[in-house]
Amino acid sequence: MVDQSETKGKGLNEAGDAGSLAALVSRATRAGKGAAPVERWNPDNCGDIDMEIRADGTWFYMGTPIGRMPLVQLFSTVLRKDDDGKTYLVTPVEKVEIKVEDAPFLAVELAVSGTGESRKLTFRTNVGDVVEAGDAHPLRFVLEDDTNGLKPYLLVRGRLEALVARAVMYELVEIGEEIEVDGETMFAVRSGGAVFPIMPAAELERLSA
């Protein structure tokens, strides 16, 4: 897709960027008006491109951060994660694989409204998506065995998730409560009428001890 021998060492903003990348930007611009209907497109797989989304939400092209947020937001509208577990930039005529270190998005802000079963948790991502957690956009929580660190994820669309930023994760923990789930007392959060277990209440007590 991109002739890296011609572009090595050049940043995305330089005039010498590969023509093929400029063409991809052009096609993404035409396709990406809001969240594009990428699930309905079945273009040819054109291989991969030297683009990566780091765990902190920063996008890189050929090892250089992409500093233009409008460009990042544009690319984010044509992202798709397929059932092969790989993430692609997709237009009606092509798809190219990119690397994702953790999740493609980062949830950077949380708004809480209501209480109890009426509570709603609305998240804003680093690329401007606004998503209310619920049955259609569930939260899941991963406990890292090596660090006991808690990593929450929010389903944004398709198979694409946002990693919840650490500061926002602390806000979630603050509003957590003990809820009976399938006969077990869980430490969990509510949103949109759904319950999202974080961990067994007994496990939380052990970690807090």
N, C-alpha and C. Protein backbone atom coordinates (compact mmCIF):
# COMPACT_ATOMS: atom_id res chain seq x y z
N MET A 1 0.84 -1.21 0.00
CA MET A 1 0.00 0.00 0.00
C MET A 1 0.87 1.25 0.00
N VAL A 2 1.86 1.32 0.90
CA VAL A 2 2.74 2.48 0.99
C VAL A 2 4.16 2.05 0.69
N ASP A 3 4.84 2.74 -0.22
CA ASP A 3 6.24 2.47 -0.52
C ASP A 3 7.09 3.09 0.56
N GLN A 4 7.44 2.26 1.57
CA GLN A 4 8.15 2.80 2.72
C GLN A 4 9.57 3.21 2.37
N SER A 5 10.13 2.65 1.29
CA SER A 5 11.48 3.05 0.92
C SER A 5 11.53 4.52 0.50
N GLU A 6 10.39 5.06 0.01
CA GLU A 6 10.37 6.45 -0.41
C GLU A 6 10.00 7.38 0.71
N THR A 7 9.40 6.85 1.79
CA THR A 7 8.88 7.73 2.83
C THR A 7 9.60 7.58 4.16
N LYS A 8 10.60 6.72 4.22
CA LYS A 8 11.28 6.47 5.48
C LYS A 8 11.84 7.77 6.03
N GLY A 9 11.53 8.04 7.33
CA GLY A 9 12.06 9.21 8.00
C GLY A 9 11.23 10.45 7.84
N LYS A 10 10.15 10.37 7.05
CA LYS A 10 9.31 11.55 6.84
C LYS A 10 8.09 11.48 7.72
N GLY A 11 7.70 12.61 8.30
CA GLY A 11 6.49 12.67 9.10
C GLY A 11 5.26 12.77 8.22
N LEU A 12 4.09 12.48 8.81
CA LEU A 12 2.86 12.49 8.04
C LEU A 12 2.53 13.86 7.51
N ASN A 13 3.03 14.91 8.15
CA ASN A 13 2.68 16.25 7.73
C ASN A 13 3.60 16.81 6.64
N GLU A 14 4.62 16.07 6.27
CA GLU A 14 5.58 16.59 5.30
C GLU A 14 5.04 16.45 3.89
N ALA A 15 5.55 17.30 3.01
CA ALA A 15 5.07 17.30 1.63
C ALA A 15 5.42 16.02 0.90
N GLY A 16 6.42 15.30 1.35
CA GLY A 16 6.85 14.10 0.66
C GLY A 16 6.12 12.84 1.03
N ASP A 17 4.96 12.93 1.68
CA ASP A 17 4.21 11.75 2.06
C ASP A 17 3.86 10.91 0.84
N ALA A 18 3.73 9.58 1.05
CA ALA A 18 3.42 8.68 -0.05
C ALA A 18 2.08 9.05 -0.69
N GLY A 19 2.05 9.00 -2.02
CA GLY A 19 0.81 9.29 -2.72
C GLY A 19 -0.30 8.33 -2.35
N SER A 20 0.06 7.08 -2.07
CA SER A 20 -0.96 6.10 -1.73
C SER A 20 -1.63 6.43 -0.41
N LEU A 21 -0.89 6.99 0.54
CA LEU A 21 -1.50 7.39 1.80
C LEU A 21 -2.43 8.58 1.57
N ALA A 22 -2.01 9.52 0.74
CA ALA A 22 -2.87 10.66 0.41
C ALA A 22 -4.16 10.18 -0.24
N ALA A 23 -4.03 9.15 -1.09
CA ALA A 23 -5.23 8.61 -1.74
C ALA A 23 -6.15 7.96 -0.72
N LEU A 24 -5.55 7.27 0.26
CA LEU A 24 -6.35 6.65 1.32
C LEU A 24 -7.08 7.72 2.11
N VAL A 25 -6.38 8.81 2.43
CA VAL A 25 -7.01 9.92 3.15
C VAL A 25 -8.19 10.46 2.34
N SER A 26 -7.98 10.61 1.02
CA SER A 26 -9.04 11.14 0.16
C SER A 26 -10.26 10.22 0.17
N ARG A 27 -10.03 8.92 0.06
CA ARG A 27 -11.16 7.98 0.04
C ARG A 27 -11.82 7.91 1.40
N ALA A 28 -11.03 8.00 2.48
CA ALA A 28 -11.61 8.01 3.82
C ALA A 28 -12.46 9.25 4.03
N THR A 29 -12.02 10.38 3.46
CA THR A 29 -12.79 11.62 3.59
C THR A 29 -14.16 11.48 2.95
N ARG A 30 -14.19 10.84 1.78
CA ARG A 30 -15.47 10.67 1.11
C ARG A 30 -16.35 9.66 1.84
N ALA A 31 -15.72 8.64 2.47
CA ALA A 31 -16.50 7.58 3.12
C ALA A 31 -16.88 7.93 4.54
N GLY A 32 -16.03 8.72 5.22
CA GLY A 32 -16.16 8.87 6.66
C GLY A 32 -16.95 10.08 7.10
N LYS A 33 -18.17 10.21 6.67
CA LYS A 33 -19.04 11.27 7.14
C LYS A 33 -19.77 10.75 8.38
N GLY A 34 -19.24 11.06 9.57
CA GLY A 34 -19.73 10.39 10.77
C GLY A 34 -19.18 8.98 10.77
N ALA A 35 -19.76 8.10 11.59
CA ALA A 35 -19.33 6.70 11.61
C ALA A 35 -19.79 6.05 10.32
N ALA A 36 -18.83 5.63 9.49
CA ALA A 36 -19.16 5.08 8.18
C ALA A 36 -19.74 3.67 8.32
N PRO A 37 -20.54 3.23 7.34
CA PRO A 37 -21.14 1.88 7.40
C PRO A 37 -20.15 0.80 6.98
N VAL A 38 -19.02 0.74 7.69
CA VAL A 38 -17.94 -0.16 7.29
C VAL A 38 -18.34 -1.63 7.36
N GLU A 39 -19.32 -1.98 8.21
CA GLU A 39 -19.72 -3.38 8.32
C GLU A 39 -20.37 -3.88 7.03
N ARG A 40 -20.85 -2.97 6.20
CA ARG A 40 -21.52 -3.37 4.96
C ARG A 40 -20.57 -3.43 3.77
N TRP A 41 -19.32 -3.01 3.97
CA TRP A 41 -18.37 -2.98 2.86
C TRP A 41 -17.51 -4.23 2.85
N ASN A 42 -17.23 -4.76 1.67
CA ASN A 42 -16.40 -5.96 1.52
C ASN A 42 -15.34 -5.74 0.45
N PRO A 43 -14.44 -4.79 0.69
CA PRO A 43 -13.41 -4.49 -0.31
C PRO A 43 -12.26 -5.50 -0.25
N ASP A 44 -11.38 -5.42 -1.22
CA ASP A 44 -10.20 -6.27 -1.22
C ASP A 44 -9.27 -5.89 -0.07
N ASN A 45 -8.60 -6.90 0.47
CA ASN A 45 -7.58 -6.67 1.49
C ASN A 45 -6.29 -6.25 0.79
N CYS A 46 -5.84 -5.04 1.08
CA CYS A 46 -4.66 -4.49 0.41
C CYS A 46 -3.40 -4.62 1.26
N GLY A 47 -3.41 -5.50 2.28
CA GLY A 47 -2.24 -5.69 3.11
C GLY A 47 -2.25 -4.77 4.31
N ASP A 48 -1.07 -4.39 4.77
CA ASP A 48 -1.01 -3.54 5.95
C ASP A 48 -0.33 -2.22 5.63
N ILE A 49 -0.43 -1.32 6.59
CA ILE A 49 0.18 0.00 6.49
C ILE A 49 0.88 0.26 7.82
N ASP A 50 1.97 1.01 7.78
CA ASP A 50 2.76 1.25 8.98
C ASP A 50 2.08 2.32 9.85
N MET A 51 0.93 1.93 10.39
CA MET A 51 0.17 2.81 11.26
C MET A 51 -0.17 2.03 12.52
N GLU A 52 -0.08 2.70 13.67
CA GLU A 52 -0.33 2.03 14.95
C GLU A 52 -1.06 2.96 15.91
N ILE A 53 -1.97 2.38 16.68
CA ILE A 53 -2.63 3.12 17.76
C ILE A 53 -2.04 2.59 19.06
N ARG A 54 -1.36 3.46 19.80
CA ARG A 54 -0.75 3.06 21.05
C ARG A 54 -1.80 2.98 22.17
N ALA A 55 -1.40 2.39 23.29
CA ALA A 55 -2.33 2.18 24.40
C ALA A 55 -2.85 3.49 24.98
N ASP A 56 -2.09 4.58 24.82
CA ASP A 56 -2.55 5.87 25.35
C ASP A 56 -3.44 6.62 24.37
N GLY A 57 -3.81 5.97 23.25
CA GLY A 57 -4.69 6.57 22.28
C GLY A 57 -3.99 7.36 21.18
N THR A 58 -2.67 7.47 21.24
CA THR A 58 -1.92 8.21 20.22
C THR A 58 -1.77 7.38 18.95
N TRP A 59 -2.06 8.01 17.82
CA TRP A 59 -1.88 7.36 16.52
C TRP A 59 -0.50 7.69 15.97
N PHE A 60 0.16 6.67 15.41
CA PHE A 60 1.49 6.84 14.81
C PHE A 60 1.44 6.39 13.36
N TYR A 61 2.17 7.11 12.53
CA TYR A 61 2.39 6.68 11.14
C TYR A 61 3.89 6.64 10.89
N MET A 62 4.40 5.47 10.54
CA MET A 62 5.82 5.25 10.32
C MET A 62 6.65 5.74 11.50
N GLY A 63 6.16 5.47 12.71
CA GLY A 63 6.88 5.79 13.93
C GLY A 63 6.74 7.22 14.40
N THR A 64 5.99 8.05 13.67
CA THR A 64 5.82 9.46 14.02
C THR A 64 4.39 9.72 14.46
N PRO A 65 4.19 10.39 15.60
CA PRO A 65 2.81 10.68 16.03
C PRO A 65 2.07 11.51 14.99
N ILE A 66 0.82 11.17 14.78
CA ILE A 66 -0.03 11.97 13.89
C ILE A 66 -0.57 13.12 14.73
N GLY A 67 -0.10 14.32 14.47
CA GLY A 67 -0.45 15.46 15.30
C GLY A 67 -1.72 16.17 14.90
N ARG A 68 -2.30 15.79 13.79
CA ARG A 68 -3.49 16.48 13.28
C ARG A 68 -4.74 15.73 13.74
N MET A 69 -5.40 16.24 14.78
CA MET A 69 -6.57 15.55 15.33
C MET A 69 -7.67 15.35 14.30
N PRO A 70 -7.96 16.32 13.41
CA PRO A 70 -9.00 16.05 12.40
C PRO A 70 -8.70 14.83 11.55
N LEU A 71 -7.41 14.58 11.27
CA LEU A 71 -7.03 13.41 10.49
C LEU A 71 -7.24 12.13 11.30
N VAL A 72 -6.87 12.15 12.58
CA VAL A 72 -7.11 11.01 13.46
C VAL A 72 -8.61 10.72 13.55
N GLN A 73 -9.40 11.76 13.72
CA GLN A 73 -10.85 11.58 13.81
C GLN A 73 -11.42 11.02 12.52
N LEU A 74 -10.89 11.45 11.40
CA LEU A 74 -11.33 10.93 10.11
C LEU A 74 -11.04 9.44 10.02
N PHE A 75 -9.82 9.05 10.31
CA PHE A 75 -9.47 7.63 10.24
C PHE A 75 -10.31 6.80 11.21
N SER A 76 -10.63 7.38 12.37
CA SER A 76 -11.40 6.62 13.37
C SER A 76 -12.79 6.26 12.87
N THR A 77 -13.32 7.04 11.92
CA THR A 77 -14.67 6.76 11.41
C THR A 77 -14.70 5.60 10.42
N VAL A 78 -13.53 5.19 9.93
CA VAL A 78 -13.50 4.08 8.97
C VAL A 78 -12.70 2.90 9.52
N LEU A 79 -12.66 2.78 10.84
CA LEU A 79 -12.03 1.63 11.48
C LEU A 79 -13.00 0.47 11.56
N ARG A 80 -12.48 -0.74 11.44
CA ARG A 80 -13.29 -1.94 11.65
C ARG A 80 -12.40 -3.05 12.20
N LYS A 81 -12.90 -3.75 13.20
CA LYS A 81 -12.22 -4.94 13.71
C LYS A 81 -12.98 -6.16 13.24
N ASP A 82 -12.30 -7.03 12.50
CA ASP A 82 -12.95 -8.21 11.93
C ASP A 82 -12.88 -9.40 12.86
N ASP A 83 -13.56 -10.48 12.48
CA ASP A 83 -13.58 -11.65 13.35
C ASP A 83 -12.25 -12.39 13.38
N ASP A 84 -11.28 -11.95 12.56
CA ASP A 84 -9.92 -12.50 12.67
C ASP A 84 -9.12 -11.81 13.77
N GLY A 85 -9.76 -10.85 14.48
CA GLY A 85 -9.10 -10.15 15.58
C GLY A 85 -8.22 -9.00 15.14
N LYS A 86 -8.16 -8.73 13.84
CA LYS A 86 -7.32 -7.66 13.32
C LYS A 86 -8.17 -6.41 13.06
N THR A 87 -7.50 -5.26 13.12
CA THR A 87 -8.18 -3.98 12.93
C THR A 87 -7.74 -3.37 11.61
N TYR A 88 -8.73 -2.84 10.87
CA TYR A 88 -8.48 -2.33 9.53
C TYR A 88 -9.04 -0.92 9.36
N LEU A 89 -8.41 -0.16 8.47
CA LEU A 89 -9.02 1.03 7.90
C LEU A 89 -9.75 0.55 6.66
N VAL A 90 -11.05 0.88 6.54
CA VAL A 90 -11.86 0.33 5.47
C VAL A 90 -12.55 1.45 4.70
N THR A 91 -12.44 1.39 3.38
CA THR A 91 -13.22 2.25 2.50
C THR A 91 -14.00 1.32 1.57
N PRO A 92 -14.90 1.84 0.75
CA PRO A 92 -15.64 0.94 -0.14
C PRO A 92 -14.77 0.15 -1.11
N VAL A 93 -13.53 0.59 -1.35
CA VAL A 93 -12.71 -0.08 -2.36
C VAL A 93 -11.48 -0.78 -1.81
N GLU A 94 -11.18 -0.66 -0.52
CA GLU A 94 -9.97 -1.29 0.03
C GLU A 94 -10.06 -1.39 1.54
N LYS A 95 -9.25 -2.30 2.08
CA LYS A 95 -9.04 -2.31 3.52
C LYS A 95 -7.57 -2.60 3.78
N VAL A 96 -7.01 -1.88 4.76
CA VAL A 96 -5.61 -2.04 5.11
C VAL A 96 -5.50 -2.27 6.61
N GLU A 97 -4.67 -3.21 6.99
CA GLU A 97 -4.52 -3.55 8.40
C GLU A 97 -3.62 -2.54 9.11
N ILE A 98 -4.01 -2.16 10.33
CA ILE A 98 -3.16 -1.34 11.18
C ILE A 98 -2.94 -2.06 12.51
N LYS A 99 -1.94 -1.63 13.25
CA LYS A 99 -1.64 -2.23 14.55
C LYS A 99 -2.36 -1.47 15.65
N VAL A 100 -2.86 -2.21 16.62
CA VAL A 100 -3.50 -1.60 17.79
C VAL A 100 -2.89 -2.24 19.02
N GLU A 101 -2.23 -1.41 19.83
CA GLU A 101 -1.51 -1.94 20.99
C GLU A 101 -2.46 -2.48 22.05
N ASP A 102 -3.57 -1.80 22.27
CA ASP A 102 -4.54 -2.25 23.27
C ASP A 102 -5.95 -2.12 22.69
N ALA A 103 -6.57 -0.96 22.81
CA ALA A 103 -7.87 -0.70 22.21
C ALA A 103 -7.74 0.49 21.27
N PRO A 104 -8.57 0.57 20.22
CA PRO A 104 -8.41 1.67 19.27
C PRO A 104 -8.81 3.03 19.81
N PHE A 105 -9.67 3.05 20.84
CA PHE A 105 -10.13 4.31 21.40
C PHE A 105 -9.80 4.38 22.89
N LEU A 106 -9.86 5.58 23.42
CA LEU A 106 -9.65 5.82 24.83
C LEU A 106 -10.83 6.63 25.36
N ALA A 107 -11.50 6.13 26.40
CA ALA A 107 -12.60 6.87 27.02
C ALA A 107 -12.00 7.84 28.03
N VAL A 108 -12.14 9.13 27.75
CA VAL A 108 -11.41 10.14 28.52
C VAL A 108 -12.29 10.97 29.44
N GLU A 109 -13.60 10.83 29.32
CA GLU A 109 -14.50 11.64 30.15
C GLU A 109 -15.76 10.85 30.44
N LEU A 110 -16.31 11.05 31.64
CA LEU A 110 -17.52 10.35 32.07
C LEU A 110 -18.52 11.35 32.64
N ALA A 111 -19.77 11.23 32.19
CA ALA A 111 -20.87 11.99 32.78
C ALA A 111 -21.85 11.01 33.39
N VAL A 112 -22.24 11.26 34.64
CA VAL A 112 -23.15 10.37 35.37
C VAL A 112 -24.46 11.12 35.60
N SER A 113 -25.56 10.48 35.23
CA SER A 113 -26.87 11.07 35.50
C SER A 113 -27.78 10.00 36.10
N GLY A 114 -28.71 10.44 36.93
CA GLY A 114 -29.63 9.50 37.57
C GLY A 114 -28.98 8.71 38.69
N THR A 115 -29.78 7.90 39.35
CA THR A 115 -29.29 7.07 40.44
C THR A 115 -29.93 5.69 40.34
N GLY A 116 -29.33 4.74 41.05
CA GLY A 116 -29.88 3.39 41.11
C GLY A 116 -30.08 2.80 39.73
N GLU A 117 -31.24 2.15 39.52
CA GLU A 117 -31.51 1.50 38.24
C GLU A 117 -31.72 2.49 37.11
N SER A 118 -31.89 3.75 37.41
CA SER A 118 -32.07 4.79 36.39
C SER A 118 -30.75 5.47 36.01
N ARG A 119 -29.67 5.04 36.59
CA ARG A 119 -28.38 5.69 36.33
C ARG A 119 -27.95 5.48 34.89
N LYS A 120 -27.35 6.52 34.32
CA LYS A 120 -26.78 6.45 32.98
C LYS A 120 -25.33 6.93 33.03
N LEU A 121 -24.46 6.16 32.41
CA LEU A 121 -23.04 6.51 32.32
C LEU A 121 -22.74 6.82 30.86
N THR A 122 -22.37 8.06 30.60
CA THR A 122 -22.09 8.49 29.23
C THR A 122 -20.62 8.85 29.12
N PHE A 123 -19.95 8.27 28.15
CA PHE A 123 -18.51 8.44 27.98
C PHE A 123 -18.21 9.24 26.70
N ARG A 124 -17.13 10.00 26.77
CA ARG A 124 -16.60 10.66 25.57
C ARG A 124 -15.23 10.06 25.28
N THR A 125 -15.00 9.71 24.03
CA THR A 125 -13.71 9.14 23.66
C THR A 125 -12.75 10.21 23.17
N ASN A 126 -11.51 9.83 23.03
CA ASN A 126 -10.48 10.76 22.58
C ASN A 126 -10.67 11.22 21.14
N VAL A 127 -11.52 10.53 20.39
CA VAL A 127 -11.77 10.95 19.00
C VAL A 127 -13.17 11.55 18.84
N GLY A 128 -13.86 11.80 19.96
CA GLY A 128 -15.11 12.54 19.90
C GLY A 128 -16.38 11.72 19.93
N ASP A 129 -16.30 10.39 20.02
CA ASP A 129 -17.51 9.59 20.15
C ASP A 129 -18.14 9.85 21.52
N VAL A 130 -19.46 9.91 21.57
CA VAL A 130 -20.19 10.00 22.83
C VAL A 130 -21.07 8.76 22.93
N VAL A 131 -20.83 7.95 23.95
CA VAL A 131 -21.45 6.63 24.04
C VAL A 131 -22.04 6.42 25.43
N GLU A 132 -23.30 6.02 25.48
CA GLU A 132 -23.94 5.69 26.75
C GLU A 132 -23.84 4.20 26.99
N ALA A 133 -23.25 3.79 28.10
CA ALA A 133 -23.12 2.37 28.42
C ALA A 133 -24.50 1.77 28.65
N GLY A 134 -24.68 0.56 28.15
CA GLY A 134 -25.94 -0.15 28.29
C GLY A 134 -25.85 -1.46 27.56
N ASP A 135 -26.98 -2.09 27.30
CA ASP A 135 -26.97 -3.39 26.63
C ASP A 135 -26.29 -3.33 25.27
N ALA A 136 -26.49 -2.23 24.53
CA ALA A 136 -25.89 -2.11 23.20
C ALA A 136 -24.42 -1.70 23.26
N HIS A 137 -24.01 -1.13 24.37
CA HIS A 137 -22.63 -0.66 24.54
C HIS A 137 -22.14 -1.10 25.93
N PRO A 138 -21.87 -2.39 26.09
CA PRO A 138 -21.52 -2.89 27.41
C PRO A 138 -20.13 -2.48 27.88
N LEU A 139 -19.98 -2.47 29.19
CA LEU A 139 -18.67 -2.32 29.83
C LEU A 139 -18.17 -3.71 30.21
N ARG A 140 -16.89 -3.92 30.08
CA ARG A 140 -16.29 -5.15 30.62
C ARG A 140 -15.04 -4.76 31.39
N PHE A 141 -14.70 -5.57 32.36
CA PHE A 141 -13.59 -5.25 33.25
C PHE A 141 -12.60 -6.40 33.27
N VAL A 142 -11.33 -6.07 33.06
CA VAL A 142 -10.27 -7.06 33.04
C VAL A 142 -9.33 -6.79 34.21
N LEU A 143 -9.07 -7.82 35.00
CA LEU A 143 -8.12 -7.69 36.11
C LEU A 143 -6.81 -8.33 35.68
N GLU A 144 -5.76 -7.52 35.61
CA GLU A 144 -4.46 -8.02 35.19
C GLU A 144 -3.83 -8.82 36.31
N ASP A 145 -3.52 -10.08 36.02
CA ASP A 145 -3.00 -10.97 37.05
C ASP A 145 -1.67 -10.51 37.61
N ASP A 146 -0.80 -9.94 36.75
CA ASP A 146 0.55 -9.60 37.20
C ASP A 146 0.60 -8.34 38.04
N THR A 147 -0.36 -7.43 37.84
CA THR A 147 -0.32 -6.16 38.57
C THR A 147 -1.54 -5.92 39.45
N ASN A 148 -2.54 -6.78 39.34
CA ASN A 148 -3.83 -6.56 40.00
C ASN A 148 -4.49 -5.26 39.54
N GLY A 149 -4.03 -4.74 38.38
CA GLY A 149 -4.60 -3.52 37.84
C GLY A 149 -5.93 -3.80 37.15
N LEU A 150 -6.85 -2.87 37.27
CA LEU A 150 -8.17 -3.01 36.68
C LEU A 150 -8.23 -2.22 35.38
N LYS A 151 -8.67 -2.89 34.31
CA LYS A 151 -8.76 -2.23 33.01
C LYS A 151 -10.20 -2.37 32.49
N PRO A 152 -10.97 -1.29 32.51
CA PRO A 152 -12.33 -1.34 31.96
C PRO A 152 -12.32 -1.02 30.46
N TYR A 153 -13.22 -1.66 29.73
CA TYR A 153 -13.38 -1.40 28.31
C TYR A 153 -14.86 -1.13 28.01
N LEU A 154 -15.12 -0.23 27.08
CA LEU A 154 -16.47 0.11 26.64
C LEU A 154 -16.59 -0.21 25.16
N LEU A 155 -17.63 -0.96 24.80
CA LEU A 155 -17.87 -1.24 23.39
C LEU A 155 -18.44 0.01 22.73
N VAL A 156 -17.74 0.52 21.72
CA VAL A 156 -18.15 1.75 21.05
C VAL A 156 -19.05 1.44 19.85
N ARG A 157 -18.55 0.60 18.95
CA ARG A 157 -19.35 0.16 17.80
C ARG A 157 -18.67 -1.05 17.16
N GLY A 158 -19.49 -1.87 16.51
CA GLY A 158 -18.94 -3.08 15.92
C GLY A 158 -18.22 -3.90 16.97
N ARG A 159 -16.95 -4.22 16.72
CA ARG A 159 -16.10 -4.89 17.70
C ARG A 159 -15.07 -3.93 18.30
N LEU A 160 -15.23 -2.64 18.06
CA LEU A 160 -14.26 -1.64 18.50
C LEU A 160 -14.56 -1.18 19.91
N GLU A 161 -13.54 -1.24 20.76
CA GLU A 161 -13.71 -0.84 22.16
C GLU A 161 -12.86 0.37 22.49
N ALA A 162 -13.24 1.03 23.57
CA ALA A 162 -12.43 2.10 24.16
C ALA A 162 -11.91 1.62 25.50
N LEU A 163 -10.62 1.75 25.71
CA LEU A 163 -10.05 1.53 27.03
C LEU A 163 -10.41 2.73 27.89
N VAL A 164 -10.95 2.50 29.06
CA VAL A 164 -11.32 3.60 29.95
C VAL A 164 -10.07 4.13 30.63
N ALA A 165 -9.81 5.42 30.46
CA ALA A 165 -8.62 6.05 31.04
C ALA A 165 -8.61 5.87 32.56
N ARG A 166 -7.43 5.86 33.13
CA ARG A 166 -7.30 5.55 34.55
C ARG A 166 -8.10 6.50 35.44
N ALA A 167 -8.05 7.79 35.14
CA ALA A 167 -8.79 8.75 35.96
C ALA A 167 -10.29 8.48 35.90
N VAL A 168 -10.78 8.10 34.72
CA VAL A 168 -12.20 7.79 34.57
C VAL A 168 -12.52 6.46 35.25
N MET A 169 -11.58 5.54 35.23
CA MET A 169 -11.77 4.26 35.91
C MET A 169 -11.99 4.47 37.40
N TYR A 170 -11.25 5.41 38.00
CA TYR A 170 -11.44 5.70 39.42
C TYR A 170 -12.84 6.26 39.69
N GLU A 171 -13.36 7.04 38.75
CA GLU A 171 -14.73 7.55 38.90
C GLU A 171 -15.73 6.40 38.87
N LEU A 172 -15.50 5.42 38.01
CA LEU A 172 -16.38 4.25 37.96
C LEU A 172 -16.37 3.49 39.28
N VAL A 173 -15.18 3.29 39.82
CA VAL A 173 -15.05 2.55 41.07
C VAL A 173 -15.78 3.28 42.19
N GLU A 174 -15.73 4.61 42.16
CA GLU A 174 -16.38 5.40 43.20
C GLU A 174 -17.89 5.18 43.23
N ILE A 175 -18.50 4.92 42.07
CA ILE A 175 -19.95 4.75 42.04
C ILE A 175 -20.35 3.28 42.01
N GLY A 176 -19.37 2.40 42.15
CA GLY A 176 -19.68 0.97 42.20
C GLY A 176 -20.47 0.60 43.44
N GLU A 177 -21.20 -0.49 43.36
CA GLU A 177 -22.02 -0.96 44.48
C GLU A 177 -22.09 -2.48 44.46
N GLU A 178 -22.46 -3.04 45.57
CA GLU A 178 -22.62 -4.49 45.65
C GLU A 178 -24.00 -4.87 45.12
N ILE A 179 -24.02 -5.75 44.12
CA ILE A 179 -25.26 -6.16 43.45
C ILE A 179 -25.25 -7.68 43.31
N GLU A 180 -26.39 -8.28 43.56
CA GLU A 180 -26.51 -9.72 43.40
C GLU A 180 -26.63 -10.05 41.91
N VAL A 181 -25.70 -10.85 41.39
CA VAL A 181 -25.70 -11.24 39.98
C VAL A 181 -25.59 -12.76 39.90
N ASP A 182 -26.65 -13.41 39.40
CA ASP A 182 -26.66 -14.86 39.27
C ASP A 182 -26.29 -15.56 40.58
N GLY A 183 -26.84 -15.04 41.69
CA GLY A 183 -26.63 -15.68 42.98
C GLY A 183 -25.32 -15.35 43.66
N GLU A 184 -24.51 -14.46 43.06
CA GLU A 184 -23.24 -14.08 43.66
C GLU A 184 -23.21 -12.57 43.88
N THR A 185 -22.68 -12.17 45.03
CA THR A 185 -22.57 -10.74 45.32
C THR A 185 -21.37 -10.17 44.57
N MET A 186 -21.66 -9.24 43.66
CA MET A 186 -20.62 -8.65 42.82
C MET A 186 -20.49 -7.16 43.11
N PHE A 187 -19.28 -6.66 42.99
CA PHE A 187 -19.06 -5.22 42.96
C PHE A 187 -19.26 -4.82 41.51
N ALA A 188 -20.21 -3.91 41.25
CA ALA A 188 -20.63 -3.64 39.88
C ALA A 188 -21.06 -2.20 39.72
N VAL A 189 -21.27 -1.81 38.47
CA VAL A 189 -21.85 -0.50 38.16
C VAL A 189 -23.09 -0.72 37.29
N ARG A 190 -24.01 0.24 37.36
CA ARG A 190 -25.23 0.21 36.56
C ARG A 190 -25.19 1.31 35.52
N SER A 191 -25.83 1.03 34.38
CA SER A 191 -26.03 2.07 33.37
C SER A 191 -27.08 1.60 32.38
N GLY A 192 -28.02 2.49 32.07
CA GLY A 192 -29.01 2.19 31.07
C GLY A 192 -29.84 0.95 31.37
N GLY A 193 -30.06 0.66 32.64
CA GLY A 193 -30.84 -0.50 33.03
C GLY A 193 -30.05 -1.81 33.05
N ALA A 194 -28.77 -1.76 32.71
CA ALA A 194 -27.92 -2.95 32.72
C ALA A 194 -26.95 -2.91 33.89
N VAL A 195 -26.52 -4.09 34.31
CA VAL A 195 -25.55 -4.22 35.39
C VAL A 195 -24.26 -4.79 34.81
N PHE A 196 -23.14 -4.15 35.14
CA PHE A 196 -21.84 -4.58 34.63
C PHE A 196 -20.93 -4.95 35.81
N PRO A 197 -20.76 -6.26 36.05
CA PRO A 197 -19.93 -6.69 37.17
C PRO A 197 -18.46 -6.31 36.98
N ILE A 198 -17.86 -5.83 38.04
CA ILE A 198 -16.44 -5.52 38.02
C ILE A 198 -15.64 -6.70 38.56
N MET A 199 -16.05 -7.21 39.71
CA MET A 199 -15.42 -8.38 40.31
C MET A 199 -16.28 -8.85 41.47
N PRO A 200 -16.08 -10.08 41.94
CA PRO A 200 -16.79 -10.52 43.14
C PRO A 200 -16.48 -9.60 44.31
N ALA A 201 -17.49 -9.31 45.12
CA ALA A 201 -17.29 -8.41 46.26
C ALA A 201 -16.21 -8.93 47.19
N ALA A 202 -16.13 -10.25 47.35
CA ALA A 202 -15.11 -10.83 48.23
C ALA A 202 -13.71 -10.57 47.69
N GLU A 203 -13.56 -10.58 46.36
CA GLU A 203 -12.27 -10.31 45.74
C GLU A 203 -11.86 -8.86 45.96
N LEU A 204 -12.83 -7.95 45.89
CA LEU A 204 -12.55 -6.55 46.14
C LEU A 204 -12.04 -6.35 47.56
N GLU A 205 -12.67 -7.01 48.51
CA GLU A 205 -12.24 -6.89 49.91
C GLU A 205 -10.81 -7.40 50.06
N ARG A 206 -10.48 -8.48 49.34
CA ARG A 206 -9.12 -9.03 49.44
C ARG A 206 -8.10 -8.05 48.89
N LEU A 207 -8.43 -7.43 47.74
CA LEU A 207 -7.50 -6.49 47.12
C LEU A 207 -7.34 -5.21 47.96
N SER A 208 -8.42 -4.86 48.70
CA SER A 208 -8.40 -3.63 49.48
C SER A 208 -7.70 -3.82 50.82
N ALA A 209 -7.52 -5.07 51.23
CA ALA A 209 -6.97 -5.36 52.55
C ALA A 209 -5.49 -4.96 52.63
